[in-house]
Structure formats: structure tokens, C-alpha cells
Amino acid sequence: MKGWMNALRELAWLTQLGFSLVTPPFLCAWGAWWLISEKGWPAWVMLPALILGLGAAAASFWGFYRYVQRKNRPDEKGPAAFNDHV
């Protein structure tokens, strides 16, 4: 049963990563489209919006990558404390 729970946990992380990578560019593109169509902003606004969305997706991926690296790192013992006698 523990194997299934680990598999489901990994599937949940993978799904969350997918949403975190896809959502920011789409939301930024939708916001730029709304500003262009409803408020009359120039069309070049779409380019900075997409760059901002891709930057947010990259930051999300970087955070996930750092989490996975910390999770898979073997436990390292820090400097010895006063009460840690060998």
C-alpha cells in the first residue's frame, strides 16, 4: 500500500507542475488580449505579457526543481553541536 501512496504523491506533484507551467502564460496572454480588445491598448502589449508569463512559469519550474533536489539529497549532518559527542 505504501508503494501506491508514493506513486499517487508523485502523480500529484507532476500534475501540479503541469498546471504551474501552463497557467501563467495563458493567464498573461488572456489579460493582454482583454486589455487589447476591451481597453484599446496597442497589440504589442501581448509580447511583454507572454514574456512575463514564461518568466513566471520558469520561476515555478525552478522552485520545483530545487524542491526535488532537496528531497533527493541524502541527509547531511551539519557541524557538530556541543552535545554531539563521538
N, C-alpha and C. Protein backbone atom coordinates (compact mmCIF):
# COMPACT_ATOMS: atom_id res chain seq x y z
N MET A 1 0.82 -1.19 0.00
CA MET A 1 0.00 0.00 0.00
C MET A 1 0.86 1.26 0.00
N LYS A 2 2.05 1.17 0.63
CA LYS A 2 2.92 2.33 0.68
C LYS A 2 3.42 2.72 -0.70
N GLY A 3 3.63 1.73 -1.57
CA GLY A 3 4.06 2.00 -2.94
C GLY A 3 3.02 2.78 -3.73
N TRP A 4 1.75 2.44 -3.52
CA TRP A 4 0.67 3.16 -4.19
C TRP A 4 0.60 4.61 -3.73
N MET A 5 0.79 4.82 -2.45
CA MET A 5 0.73 6.19 -1.93
C MET A 5 1.87 7.03 -2.49
N ASN A 6 3.06 6.44 -2.60
CA ASN A 6 4.18 7.17 -3.19
C ASN A 6 3.91 7.48 -4.66
N ALA A 7 3.33 6.53 -5.38
CA ALA A 7 3.02 6.74 -6.79
C ALA A 7 1.98 7.84 -6.95
N LEU A 8 0.96 7.84 -6.10
CA LEU A 8 -0.06 8.89 -6.17
C LEU A 8 0.50 10.25 -5.79
N ARG A 9 1.41 10.27 -4.83
CA ARG A 9 2.05 11.53 -4.43
C ARG A 9 2.86 12.10 -5.59
N GLU A 10 3.62 11.23 -6.26
CA GLU A 10 4.42 11.68 -7.41
C GLU A 10 3.52 12.15 -8.55
N LEU A 11 2.41 11.46 -8.77
CA LEU A 11 1.47 11.87 -9.81
C LEU A 11 0.87 13.24 -9.48
N ALA A 12 0.56 13.46 -8.21
CA ALA A 12 0.03 14.76 -7.80
C ALA A 12 1.06 15.87 -8.03
N TRP A 13 2.33 15.61 -7.71
CA TRP A 13 3.38 16.61 -7.94
C TRP A 13 3.54 16.89 -9.43
N LEU A 14 3.47 15.84 -10.26
CA LEU A 14 3.61 16.02 -11.69
C LEU A 14 2.44 16.83 -12.25
N THR A 15 1.24 16.55 -11.78
CA THR A 15 0.08 17.30 -12.22
C THR A 15 0.19 18.76 -11.79
N GLN A 16 0.61 19.00 -10.56
CA GLN A 16 0.78 20.36 -10.07
C GLN A 16 1.84 21.10 -10.89
N LEU A 17 2.92 20.42 -11.23
CA LEU A 17 3.95 21.05 -12.05
C LEU A 17 3.39 21.43 -13.42
N GLY A 18 2.60 20.57 -14.01
CA GLY A 18 1.99 20.88 -15.31
C GLY A 18 1.11 22.11 -15.24
N PHE A 19 0.25 22.18 -14.22
CA PHE A 19 -0.60 23.36 -14.06
C PHE A 19 0.23 24.61 -13.81
N SER A 20 1.29 24.48 -13.02
CA SER A 20 2.12 25.63 -12.69
C SER A 20 2.90 26.14 -13.91
N LEU A 21 3.18 25.27 -14.85
CA LEU A 21 3.90 25.70 -16.05
C LEU A 21 2.98 26.27 -17.12
N VAL A 22 1.77 25.78 -17.21
CA VAL A 22 0.87 26.18 -18.29
C VAL A 22 0.02 27.41 -17.92
N THR A 23 -0.37 27.53 -16.67
CA THR A 23 -1.30 28.57 -16.27
C THR A 23 -0.75 29.99 -16.42
N PRO A 24 0.45 30.34 -15.95
CA PRO A 24 0.88 31.74 -16.06
C PRO A 24 0.93 32.30 -17.48
N PRO A 25 1.49 31.57 -18.47
CA PRO A 25 1.45 32.16 -19.82
C PRO A 25 0.03 32.36 -20.35
N PHE A 26 -0.86 31.40 -20.08
CA PHE A 26 -2.23 31.55 -20.55
C PHE A 26 -2.94 32.71 -19.87
N LEU A 27 -2.76 32.86 -18.57
CA LEU A 27 -3.40 33.98 -17.88
C LEU A 27 -2.85 35.33 -18.35
N CYS A 28 -1.55 35.40 -18.55
CA CYS A 28 -0.97 36.66 -19.04
C CYS A 28 -1.43 36.96 -20.46
N ALA A 29 -1.50 35.95 -21.30
CA ALA A 29 -1.99 36.15 -22.68
C ALA A 29 -3.46 36.56 -22.67
N TRP A 30 -4.25 35.93 -21.81
CA TRP A 30 -5.66 36.31 -21.73
C TRP A 30 -5.81 37.74 -21.23
N GLY A 31 -5.02 38.13 -20.22
CA GLY A 31 -5.08 39.51 -19.71
C GLY A 31 -4.67 40.51 -20.77
N ALA A 32 -3.63 40.20 -21.55
CA ALA A 32 -3.21 41.10 -22.62
C ALA A 32 -4.28 41.18 -23.70
N TRP A 33 -4.87 40.04 -24.05
CA TRP A 33 -5.93 40.05 -25.04
C TRP A 33 -7.10 40.90 -24.57
N TRP A 34 -7.46 40.79 -23.29
CA TRP A 34 -8.56 41.58 -22.75
C TRP A 34 -8.24 43.08 -22.80
N LEU A 35 -7.00 43.43 -22.43
CA LEU A 35 -6.61 44.84 -22.49
C LEU A 35 -6.63 45.36 -23.93
N ILE A 36 -6.24 44.55 -24.87
CA ILE A 36 -6.22 44.97 -26.27
C ILE A 36 -7.64 45.12 -26.81
N SER A 37 -8.50 44.14 -26.54
CA SER A 37 -9.84 44.16 -27.13
C SER A 37 -10.80 45.09 -26.40
N GLU A 38 -10.74 45.14 -25.07
CA GLU A 38 -11.71 45.93 -24.31
C GLU A 38 -11.26 47.36 -24.03
N LYS A 39 -9.99 47.53 -23.76
CA LYS A 39 -9.50 48.84 -23.35
C LYS A 39 -8.79 49.59 -24.47
N GLY A 40 -8.57 48.94 -25.61
CA GLY A 40 -7.96 49.60 -26.74
C GLY A 40 -6.46 49.79 -26.64
N TRP A 41 -5.80 48.95 -25.85
CA TRP A 41 -4.34 49.04 -25.74
C TRP A 41 -3.72 48.55 -27.03
N PRO A 42 -2.48 48.98 -27.32
CA PRO A 42 -1.84 48.52 -28.56
C PRO A 42 -1.51 47.02 -28.51
N ALA A 43 -1.38 46.43 -29.69
CA ALA A 43 -1.18 44.98 -29.80
C ALA A 43 0.17 44.52 -29.28
N TRP A 44 1.15 45.41 -29.19
CA TRP A 44 2.47 44.99 -28.73
C TRP A 44 2.48 44.61 -27.25
N VAL A 45 1.40 44.89 -26.54
CA VAL A 45 1.29 44.53 -25.12
C VAL A 45 1.33 43.01 -24.94
N MET A 46 0.94 42.28 -25.99
CA MET A 46 0.93 40.82 -25.90
C MET A 46 2.34 40.27 -25.69
N LEU A 47 3.34 40.86 -26.31
CA LEU A 47 4.70 40.35 -26.19
C LEU A 47 5.24 40.44 -24.75
N PRO A 48 5.17 41.61 -24.08
CA PRO A 48 5.62 41.62 -22.68
C PRO A 48 4.80 40.71 -21.77
N ALA A 49 3.51 40.57 -22.08
CA ALA A 49 2.67 39.69 -21.27
C ALA A 49 3.12 38.24 -21.40
N LEU A 50 3.43 37.81 -22.61
CA LEU A 50 3.91 36.44 -22.81
C LEU A 50 5.28 36.24 -22.17
N ILE A 51 6.15 37.23 -22.26
CA ILE A 51 7.45 37.12 -21.62
C ILE A 51 7.29 37.02 -20.10
N LEU A 52 6.38 37.82 -19.55
CA LEU A 52 6.11 37.76 -18.11
C LEU A 52 5.54 36.40 -17.72
N GLY A 53 4.64 35.86 -18.52
CA GLY A 53 4.06 34.54 -18.24
C GLY A 53 5.09 33.43 -18.32
N LEU A 54 5.97 33.50 -19.32
CA LEU A 54 7.01 32.48 -19.43
C LEU A 54 8.02 32.61 -18.29
N GLY A 55 8.29 33.83 -17.85
CA GLY A 55 9.18 34.02 -16.70
C GLY A 55 8.57 33.44 -15.43
N ALA A 56 7.27 33.64 -15.25
CA ALA A 56 6.61 33.06 -14.08
C ALA A 56 6.61 31.54 -14.13
N ALA A 57 6.43 30.98 -15.32
CA ALA A 57 6.48 29.52 -15.46
C ALA A 57 7.89 29.00 -15.18
N ALA A 58 8.90 29.73 -15.64
CA ALA A 58 10.29 29.32 -15.38
C ALA A 58 10.60 29.39 -13.89
N ALA A 59 10.12 30.42 -13.21
CA ALA A 59 10.34 30.52 -11.77
C ALA A 59 9.65 29.38 -11.03
N SER A 60 8.48 29.00 -11.48
CA SER A 60 7.77 27.88 -10.88
C SER A 60 8.53 26.57 -11.09
N PHE A 61 9.05 26.38 -12.29
CA PHE A 61 9.84 25.18 -12.56
C PHE A 61 11.11 25.17 -11.72
N TRP A 62 11.76 26.31 -11.58
CA TRP A 62 12.99 26.38 -10.79
C TRP A 62 12.71 26.03 -9.33
N GLY A 63 11.62 26.51 -8.78
CA GLY A 63 11.25 26.17 -7.41
C GLY A 63 10.97 24.69 -7.26
N PHE A 64 10.29 24.10 -8.23
CA PHE A 64 10.02 22.66 -8.19
C PHE A 64 11.31 21.86 -8.29
N TYR A 65 12.21 22.30 -9.17
CA TYR A 65 13.50 21.62 -9.33
C TYR A 65 14.30 21.66 -8.03
N ARG A 66 14.33 22.81 -7.37
CA ARG A 66 15.05 22.92 -6.10
C ARG A 66 14.43 22.04 -5.03
N TYR A 67 13.10 21.95 -5.02
CA TYR A 67 12.42 21.08 -4.06
C TYR A 67 12.81 19.62 -4.27
N VAL A 68 12.82 19.18 -5.53
CA VAL A 68 13.16 17.80 -5.83
C VAL A 68 14.62 17.53 -5.46
N GLN A 69 15.51 18.47 -5.71
CA GLN A 69 16.91 18.30 -5.36
C GLN A 69 17.09 18.17 -3.85
N ARG A 70 16.39 19.01 -3.08
CA ARG A 70 16.48 18.92 -1.61
C ARG A 70 15.89 17.62 -1.11
N LYS A 71 14.79 17.19 -1.73
CA LYS A 71 14.13 15.96 -1.28
C LYS A 71 14.99 14.73 -1.55
N ASN A 72 15.72 14.72 -2.64
CA ASN A 72 16.53 13.56 -3.01
C ASN A 72 17.94 13.61 -2.45
N ARG A 73 18.31 14.67 -1.80
CA ARG A 73 19.66 14.78 -1.23
C ARG A 73 19.75 13.88 0.00
N PRO A 74 20.83 13.15 0.13
CA PRO A 74 20.98 12.33 1.35
C PRO A 74 21.12 13.25 2.57
N ASP A 75 20.67 12.75 3.68
CA ASP A 75 20.74 13.56 4.90
C ASP A 75 22.20 13.84 5.24
N GLU A 76 22.50 15.12 5.34
CA GLU A 76 23.86 15.52 5.70
C GLU A 76 23.83 16.09 7.10
N LYS A 77 24.75 15.67 7.88
CA LYS A 77 24.81 16.17 9.24
C LYS A 77 25.59 17.47 9.23
N GLY A 78 25.06 18.46 9.86
CA GLY A 78 25.71 19.76 9.91
C GLY A 78 26.88 19.75 10.86
N PRO A 79 27.41 20.91 11.20
CA PRO A 79 28.52 20.97 12.14
C PRO A 79 28.11 20.40 13.51
N ALA A 80 29.05 19.79 14.18
CA ALA A 80 28.77 19.16 15.45
C ALA A 80 28.36 20.18 16.49
N ALA A 81 27.32 19.87 17.22
CA ALA A 81 26.87 20.74 18.29
C ALA A 81 27.61 20.38 19.57
N PHE A 82 27.41 21.14 20.60
CA PHE A 82 28.12 20.95 21.84
C PHE A 82 27.85 19.56 22.43
N ASN A 83 26.62 19.08 22.34
CA ASN A 83 26.26 17.81 22.97
C ASN A 83 26.46 16.60 22.05
N ASP A 84 26.94 16.79 20.85
CA ASP A 84 27.17 15.67 19.92
C ASP A 84 28.56 15.13 20.11
N HIS A 85 28.68 14.19 21.04
CA HIS A 85 29.97 13.58 21.32
C HIS A 85 30.11 12.29 20.53
N VAL A 86 31.29 12.05 20.05
CA VAL A 86 31.52 10.84 19.27
C VAL A 86 32.04 9.75 20.15
